[in-house]
Amino acid sequence: MTLLKNERVMIFLDSFTAADLLILIIILFAFGAFMFKSRNNVKNYLEAYRLKKNSKEKVLAQITTNEEAIKKLEKHHEDDKDELYQQQLAYRQQSLDKQAEIDNRFLEIGKQFEQLTKAINCLQEKVEQQHKETQEIKKNELREKLLGYYRDYASIEKNPEQEWSEIEAETFWNLFEDYSNLNGNGFMHTHVKPAMLKLKVIPV
């Protein structure tokens, strides 16, 4: 196998002429010169390619970072949204509880006010009744006093001259006025008053 390869190499070299060798040298020289001249361009190209690749990798890395940040923000937003919703539910429940408490308090106050109103009305009725009874007692007392004056001064037997002093008359008519203010009427106005007006007043 090795001998066969060597024979092929020898055949190939034998077919080479001096002109072919010269051309090959010129080509190699030209290629070397081209590579030497293009070295900076190739270097710059490779450097630009490397920078572009690095830049692309940085951009991709930044995009990945941004995507992760966006996902985190979205998750944080969803968490905040859920937390806000829960807070709103809690606030709403607190508001409903507070409103129910206020309503119950108002109902309780309303019941207490109703009870207080009934108690005040009852007390007022008692006071009015007591006042009425007191007024009736006072009116009866005045009536008895006025009748006493009537019996003493309007009687011909007890007061033949049919006269009385100015002080006695003033006292009687003051009592009569008080009696009238208490809605006293009847016999005192139809009989007693006319009889007492007929009496002669003696100045003091």
C-alpha atoms as a PDB file:
ATOM      1  CA  MET A   1       0.000   0.000   0.000  1.00  0.00           C
ATOM      2  CA  THR A   2       2.839   2.345   0.917  1.00  0.00           C
ATOM      3  CA  LEU A   3       4.726   1.451  -2.244  1.00  0.00           C
ATOM      4  CA  LEU A   4       1.680   2.282  -4.309  1.00  0.00           C
ATOM      5  CA  LYS A   5       1.448   5.741  -2.743  1.00  0.00           C
ATOM      6  CA  ASN A   6       5.111   6.411  -3.279  1.00  0.00           C
ATOM      7  CA  GLU A   7       4.797   5.441  -6.949  1.00  0.00           C
ATOM      8  CA  ARG A   8       1.942   7.861  -7.386  1.00  0.00           C
ATOM      9  CA  VAL A   9       3.968  10.644  -5.759  1.00  0.00           C
ATOM     10  CA  MET A  10       6.922   9.886  -8.042  1.00  0.00           C
ATOM     11  CA  ILE A  11       4.688   9.893 -11.125  1.00  0.00           C
ATOM     12  CA  PHE A  12       3.211  13.213 -10.019  1.00  0.00           C
ATOM     13  CA  LEU A  13       6.664  14.754  -9.457  1.00  0.00           C
ATOM     14  CA  ASP A  14       7.964  13.443 -12.776  1.00  0.00           C
ATOM     15  CA  SER A  15       5.107  15.129 -14.549  1.00  0.00           C
ATOM     16  CA  PHE A  16       6.119  18.482 -13.000  1.00  0.00           C
ATOM     17  CA  THR A  17       8.265  20.678 -15.270  1.00  0.00           C
ATOM     18  CA  ALA A  18      10.395  23.628 -14.342  1.00  0.00           C
ATOM     19  CA  ALA A  19       7.701  25.956 -15.671  1.00  0.00           C
ATOM     20  CA  ASP A  20       5.085  24.297 -13.463  1.00  0.00           C
ATOM     21  CA  LEU A  21       7.371  24.638 -10.484  1.00  0.00           C
ATOM     22  CA  LEU A  22       7.947  28.300 -11.248  1.00  0.00           C
ATOM     23  CA  ILE A  23       4.236  28.927 -11.601  1.00  0.00           C
ATOM     24  CA  LEU A  24       3.623  27.133  -8.299  1.00  0.00           C
ATOM     25  CA  ILE A  25       6.268  29.255  -6.604  1.00  0.00           C
ATOM     26  CA  ILE A  26       4.755  32.439  -8.073  1.00  0.00           C
ATOM     27  CA  ILE A  27       1.297  31.386  -6.885  1.00  0.00           C
ATOM     28  CA  LEU A  28       2.592  30.565  -3.420  1.00  0.00           C
ATOM     29  CA  PHE A  29       4.461  33.857  -3.283  1.00  0.00           C
ATOM     30  CA  ALA A  30       1.409  35.804  -4.475  1.00  0.00           C
ATOM     31  CA  PHE A  31      -0.793  33.996  -1.945  1.00  0.00           C
ATOM     32  CA  GLY A  32       1.760  34.726   0.778  1.00  0.00           C
ATOM     33  CA  ALA A  33       1.896  38.398  -0.227  1.00  0.00           C
ATOM     34  CA  PHE A  34      -1.907  38.547  -0.345  1.00  0.00           C
ATOM     35  CA  MET A  35      -2.171  36.939   3.075  1.00  0.00           C
ATOM     36  CA  PHE A  36       0.461  39.296   4.457  1.00  0.00           C
ATOM     37  CA  LYS A  37      -1.372  42.326   3.078  1.00  0.00           C
ATOM     38  CA  SER A  38      -4.731  40.993   4.136  1.00  0.00           C
ATOM     39  CA  ARG A  39      -3.488  40.063   7.587  1.00  0.00           C
ATOM     40  CA  ASN A  40      -4.717  43.321   9.122  1.00  0.00           C
ATOM     41  CA  ASN A  41      -8.002  43.107   7.247  1.00  0.00           C
ATOM     42  CA  VAL A  42      -8.484  39.529   8.357  1.00  0.00           C
ATOM     43  CA  LYS A  43      -7.498  40.484  11.872  1.00  0.00           C
ATOM     44  CA  ASN A  44      -9.896  43.424  11.804  1.00  0.00           C
ATOM     45  CA  TYR A  45     -12.622  41.208  10.362  1.00  0.00           C
ATOM     46  CA  LEU A  46     -12.037  38.568  13.000  1.00  0.00           C
ATOM     47  CA  GLU A  47     -11.983  41.233  15.713  1.00  0.00           C
ATOM     48  CA  ALA A  48     -15.155  42.809  14.326  1.00  0.00           C
ATOM     49  CA  TYR A  49     -16.748  39.376  14.128  1.00  0.00           C
ATOM     50  CA  ARG A  50     -15.690  38.692  17.719  1.00  0.00           C
ATOM     51  CA  LEU A  51     -17.034  42.040  18.897  1.00  0.00           C
ATOM     52  CA  LYS A  52     -20.231  41.548  16.941  1.00  0.00           C
ATOM     53  CA  LYS A  53     -20.598  38.082  18.412  1.00  0.00           C
ATOM     54  CA  ASN A  54     -19.896  39.409  21.908  1.00  0.00           C
ATOM     55  CA  SER A  55     -22.305  42.269  21.320  1.00  0.00           C
ATOM     56  CA  LYS A  56     -24.934  39.858  20.090  1.00  0.00           C
ATOM     57  CA  GLU A  57     -24.342  37.654  23.108  1.00  0.00           C
ATOM     58  CA  LYS A  58     -24.612  40.694  25.386  1.00  0.00           C
ATOM     59  CA  VAL A  59     -27.833  41.732  23.652  1.00  0.00           C
ATOM     60  CA  LEU A  60     -29.203  38.212  23.979  1.00  0.00           C
ATOM     61  CA  ALA A  61     -28.118  38.125  27.611  1.00  0.00           C
ATOM     62  CA  GLN A  62     -29.728  41.534  28.189  1.00  0.00           C
ATOM     63  CA  ILE A  63     -32.905  40.344  26.460  1.00  0.00           C
ATOM     64  CA  THR A  64     -32.918  37.261  28.651  1.00  0.00           C
ATOM     65  CA  THR A  65     -32.340  39.416  31.723  1.00  0.00           C
ATOM     66  CA  ASN A  66     -35.080  41.776  30.647  1.00  0.00           C
ATOM     67  CA  GLU A  67     -37.454  38.888  30.018  1.00  0.00           C
ATOM     68  CA  GLU A  68     -36.704  37.502  33.472  1.00  0.00           C
ATOM     69  CA  ALA A  69     -37.166  40.954  34.976  1.00  0.00           C
ATOM     70  CA  ILE A  70     -40.460  41.340  33.106  1.00  0.00           C
ATOM     71  CA  LYS A  71     -41.608  37.954  34.354  1.00  0.00           C
ATOM     72  CA  LYS A  72     -40.651  38.945  37.896  1.00  0.00           C
ATOM     73  CA  LEU A  73     -42.486  42.243  37.500  1.00  0.00           C
ATOM     74  CA  GLU A  74     -45.526  40.463  36.097  1.00  0.00           C
ATOM     75  CA  LYS A  75     -45.458  37.991  38.977  1.00  0.00           C
ATOM     76  CA  HIS A  76     -44.945  40.836  41.454  1.00  0.00           C
ATOM     77  CA  HIS A  77     -47.789  42.736  39.781  1.00  0.00           C
ATOM     78  CA  GLU A  78     -50.045  39.697  40.000  1.00  0.00           C
ATOM     79  CA  ASP A  79     -49.087  39.253  43.648  1.00  0.00           C
ATOM     80  CA  ASP A  80     -49.727  42.942  44.331  1.00  0.00           C
ATOM     81  CA  LYS A  81     -52.987  42.734  42.402  1.00  0.00           C
ATOM     82  CA  ASP A  82     -54.096  39.728  44.426  1.00  0.00           C
ATOM     83  CA  GLU A  83     -52.967  41.397  47.662  1.00  0.00           C
ATOM     84  CA  LEU A  84     -54.815  44.579  46.698  1.00  0.00           C
ATOM     85  CA  TYR A  85     -57.928  42.559  45.913  1.00  0.00           C
ATOM     86  CA  GLN A  86     -57.715  40.813  49.267  1.00  0.00           C
ATOM     87  CA  GLN A  87     -57.239  44.178  50.992  1.00  0.00           C
ATOM     88  CA  GLN A  88     -60.271  45.564  49.171  1.00  0.00           C
ATOM     89  CA  LEU A  89     -62.313  42.572  50.271  1.00  0.00           C
ATOM     90  CA  ALA A  90     -61.098  43.049  53.841  1.00  0.00           C
ATOM     91  CA  TYR A  91     -61.872  46.787  53.756  1.00  0.00           C
ATOM     92  CA  ARG A  92     -65.315  46.102  52.294  1.00  0.00           C
ATOM     93  CA  GLN A  93     -66.041  43.532  54.992  1.00  0.00           C
ATOM     94  CA  GLN A  94     -64.818  45.948  57.669  1.00  0.00           C
ATOM     95  CA  SER A  95     -67.045  48.645  56.174  1.00  0.00           C
ATOM     96  CA  LEU A  96     -70.050  46.308  56.157  1.00  0.00           C
ATOM     97  CA  ASP A  97     -69.333  45.239  59.731  1.00  0.00           C
ATOM     98  CA  LYS A  98     -68.967  48.869  60.808  1.00  0.00           C
ATOM     99  CA  GLN A  99     -72.185  49.839  59.048  1.00  0.00           C
ATOM    100  CA  ALA A 100     -74.010  46.922  60.690  1.00  0.00           C
ATOM    101  CA  GLU A 101     -72.616  48.009  64.061  1.00  0.00           C
ATOM    102  CA  ILE A 102     -73.782  51.593  63.445  1.00  0.00           C
ATOM    103  CA  ASP A 103     -77.229  50.391  62.336  1.00  0.00           C
ATOM    104  CA  ASN A 104     -77.561  48.221  65.436  1.00  0.00           C
ATOM    105  CA  ARG A 105     -76.427  51.133  67.589  1.00  0.00           C
ATOM    106  CA  PHE A 106     -79.035  53.396  65.993  1.00  0.00           C
ATOM    107  CA  LEU A 107     -81.711  50.761  66.567  1.00  0.00           C
ATOM    108  CA  GLU A 108     -80.648  50.490  70.190  1.00  0.00           C
ATOM    109  CA  ILE A 109     -80.652  54.284  70.566  1.00  0.00           C
ATOM    110  CA  GLY A 110     -84.078  54.402  68.906  1.00  0.00           C
ATOM    111  CA  LYS A 111     -85.444  51.861  71.385  1.00  0.00           C
ATOM    112  CA  GLN A 112     -83.901  53.734  74.305  1.00  0.00           C
ATOM    113  CA  PHE A 113     -85.327  57.018  72.985  1.00  0.00           C
ATOM    114  CA  GLU A 114     -88.759  55.421  72.623  1.00  0.00           C
ATOM    115  CA  GLN A 115     -88.593  54.102  76.178  1.00  0.00           C
ATOM    116  CA  LEU A 116     -87.398  57.491  77.432  1.00  0.00           C
ATOM    117  CA  THR A 117     -90.213  59.235  75.552  1.00  0.00           C
ATOM    118  CA  LYS A 118     -92.770  56.919  77.121  1.00  0.00           C
ATOM    119  CA  ALA A 119     -91.268  57.528  80.564  1.00  0.00           C
ATOM    120  CA  ILE A 120     -91.328  61.309  80.020  1.00  0.00           C
ATOM    121  CA  ASN A 121     -94.929  61.206  78.785  1.00  0.00           C
ATOM    122  CA  CYS A 122     -95.916  59.096  81.768  1.00  0.00           C
ATOM    123  CA  LEU A 123     -94.149  61.474  84.139  1.00  0.00           C
ATOM    124  CA  GLN A 124     -95.709  64.456  82.407  1.00  0.00           C
ATOM    125  CA  GLU A 125     -99.168  62.896  82.775  1.00  0.00           C
ATOM    126  CA  LYS A 126     -98.508  62.331  86.467  1.00  0.00           C
ATOM    127  CA  VAL A 127     -97.280  65.913  86.903  1.00  0.00           C
ATOM    128  CA  GLU A 128    -100.311  67.256  85.050  1.00  0.00           C
ATOM    129  CA  GLN A 129    -102.591  65.076  87.121  1.00  0.00           C
ATOM    130  CA  GLN A 130    -100.924  66.237  90.333  1.00  0.00           C
ATOM    131  CA  HIS A 131    -101.133  69.840  89.140  1.00  0.00           C
ATOM    132  CA  LYS A 132    -104.777  69.377  88.288  1.00  0.00           C
ATOM    133  CA  GLU A 133    -105.456  67.848  91.674  1.00  0.00           C
ATOM    134  CA  THR A 134    -103.512  70.628  93.391  1.00  0.00           C
ATOM    135  CA  GLN A 135    -105.435  73.249  91.446  1.00  0.00           C
ATOM    136  CA  GLU A 136    -108.699  71.550  92.355  1.00  0.00           C
ATOM    137  CA  ILE A 137    -107.740  71.487  96.034  1.00  0.00           C
ATOM    138  CA  LYS A 138    -106.723  75.152  95.904  1.00  0.00           C
ATOM    139  CA  LYS A 139    -109.966  76.054  94.105  1.00  0.00           C
ATOM    140  CA  ASN A 140    -112.012  74.254  96.760  1.00  0.00           C
ATOM    141  CA  GLU A 141    -110.104  76.053  99.512  1.00  0.00           C
ATOM    142  CA  LEU A 142    -110.754  79.394  97.814  1.00  0.00           C
ATOM    143  CA  ARG A 143    -114.414  78.493  97.371  1.00  0.00           C
ATOM    144  CA  GLU A 144    -114.725  77.752 101.074  1.00  0.00           C
ATOM    145  CA  LYS A 145    -113.077  81.065 101.993  1.00  0.00           C
ATOM    146  CA  LEU A 146    -115.326  82.987  99.590  1.00  0.00           C
ATOM    147  CA  LEU A 147    -118.398  81.248 100.971  1.00  0.00           C
ATOM    148  CA  GLY A 148    -117.215  82.170 104.465  1.00  0.00           C
ATOM    149  CA  TYR A 149    -117.081  85.844 103.441  1.00  0.00           C
ATOM    150  CA  TYR A 150    -120.466  85.444 101.782  1.00  0.00           C
ATOM    151  CA  ARG A 151    -122.049  83.946 104.901  1.00  0.00           C
ATOM    152  CA  ASP A 152    -120.561  86.611 107.191  1.00  0.00           C
ATOM    153  CA  TYR A 153    -121.126  89.751 105.144  1.00  0.00           C
ATOM    154  CA  ALA A 154    -124.089  89.032 102.851  1.00  0.00           C
ATOM    155  CA  SER A 155    -126.247  87.788 105.738  1.00  0.00           C
ATOM    156  CA  ILE A 156    -128.689  90.366 107.134  1.00  0.00           C
ATOM    157  CA  GLU A 157    -128.514  88.706 110.502  1.00  0.00           C
ATOM    158  CA  LYS A 158    -124.700  88.803 110.796  1.00  0.00           C
ATOM    159  CA  ASN A 159    -124.217  92.093 108.949  1.00  0.00           C
ATOM    160  CA  PRO A 160    -127.353  94.235 109.273  1.00  0.00           C
ATOM    161  CA  GLU A 161    -125.608  97.348 107.914  1.00  0.00           C
ATOM    162  CA  GLN A 162    -124.538  95.398 104.805  1.00  0.00           C
ATOM    163  CA  GLU A 163    -121.103  96.955 104.806  1.00  0.00           C
ATOM    164  CA  TRP A 164    -117.484  95.899 105.100  1.00  0.00           C
ATOM    165  CA  SER A 165    -114.082  97.508 105.305  1.00  0.00           C
ATOM    166  CA  GLU A 166    -111.946  98.369 102.336  1.00  0.00           C
ATOM    167  CA  ILE A 167    -109.310  95.795 103.423  1.00  0.00           C
ATOM    168  CA  GLU A 168    -111.916  93.050 103.749  1.00  0.00           C
ATOM    169  CA  ALA A 169    -113.338  93.885 100.332  1.00  0.00           C
ATOM    170  CA  GLU A 170    -109.891  93.931  98.692  1.00  0.00           C
ATOM    171  CA  THR A 171    -109.019  90.578 100.237  1.00  0.00           C
ATOM    172  CA  PHE A 172    -112.304  89.040  99.066  1.00  0.00           C
ATOM    173  CA  TRP A 173    -112.005  90.222  95.473  1.00  0.00           C
ATOM    174  CA  ASN A 174    -108.370  89.061  95.264  1.00  0.00           C
ATOM    175  CA  LEU A 175    -109.503  85.626  96.387  1.00  0.00           C
ATOM    176  CA  PHE A 176    -112.396  85.759  93.938  1.00  0.00           C
ATOM    177  CA  GLU A 177    -110.004  86.614  91.077  1.00  0.00           C
ATOM    178  CA  ASP A 178    -107.773  83.661  91.988  1.00  0.00           C
ATOM    179  CA  TYR A 179    -110.858  81.440  92.099  1.00  0.00           C
ATOM    180  CA  SER A 180    -111.950  82.633  88.655  1.00  0.00           C
ATOM    181  CA  ASN A 181    -108.467  82.021  87.233  1.00  0.00           C
ATOM    182  CA  LEU A 182    -108.843  78.413  88.363  1.00  0.00           C
ATOM    183  CA  ASN A 183    -112.022  78.173  86.265  1.00  0.00           C
ATOM    184  CA  GLY A 184    -114.246  78.531  89.284  1.00  0.00           C
ATOM    185  CA  ASN A 185    -117.857  79.265  88.310  1.00  0.00           C
ATOM    186  CA  GLY A 186    -121.409  78.315  89.059  1.00  0.00           C
ATOM    187  CA  PHE A 187    -122.895  79.464  92.354  1.00  0.00           C
ATOM    188  CA  MET A 188    -120.006  81.847  93.115  1.00  0.00           C
ATOM    189  CA  HIS A 189    -120.703  83.920  89.996  1.00  0.00           C
ATOM    190  CA  THR A 190    -124.489  83.755  89.955  1.00  0.00           C
ATOM    191  CA  HIS A 191    -125.208  84.344  93.662  1.00  0.00           C
ATOM    192  CA  VAL A 192    -122.128  85.265  95.690  1.00  0.00           C
ATOM    193  CA  LYS A 193    -120.640  87.918  93.405  1.00  0.00           C
ATOM    194  CA  PRO A 194    -123.867  89.948  92.939  1.00  0.00           C
ATOM    195  CA  ALA A 195    -124.576  89.873  96.684  1.00  0.00           C
ATOM    196  CA  MET A 196    -121.041  91.012  97.581  1.00  0.00           C
ATOM    197  CA  LEU A 197    -121.156  93.851  95.050  1.00  0.00           C
ATOM    198  CA  LYS A 198    -124.120  95.290  96.940  1.00  0.00           C
ATOM    199  CA  LEU A 199    -122.134  95.709 100.151  1.00  0.00           C
ATOM    200  CA  LYS A 200    -121.033  99.156 101.125  1.00  0.00           C
ATOM    201  CA  VAL A 201    -117.274  99.596 101.386  1.00  0.00           C
ATOM    202  CA  ILE A 202    -116.086 101.576 104.404  1.00  0.00           C
ATOM    203  CA  PRO A 203    -112.767 103.308 103.814  1.00  0.00           C
ATOM    204  CA  VAL A 204    -110.116 102.708 106.416  1.00  0.00           C
END
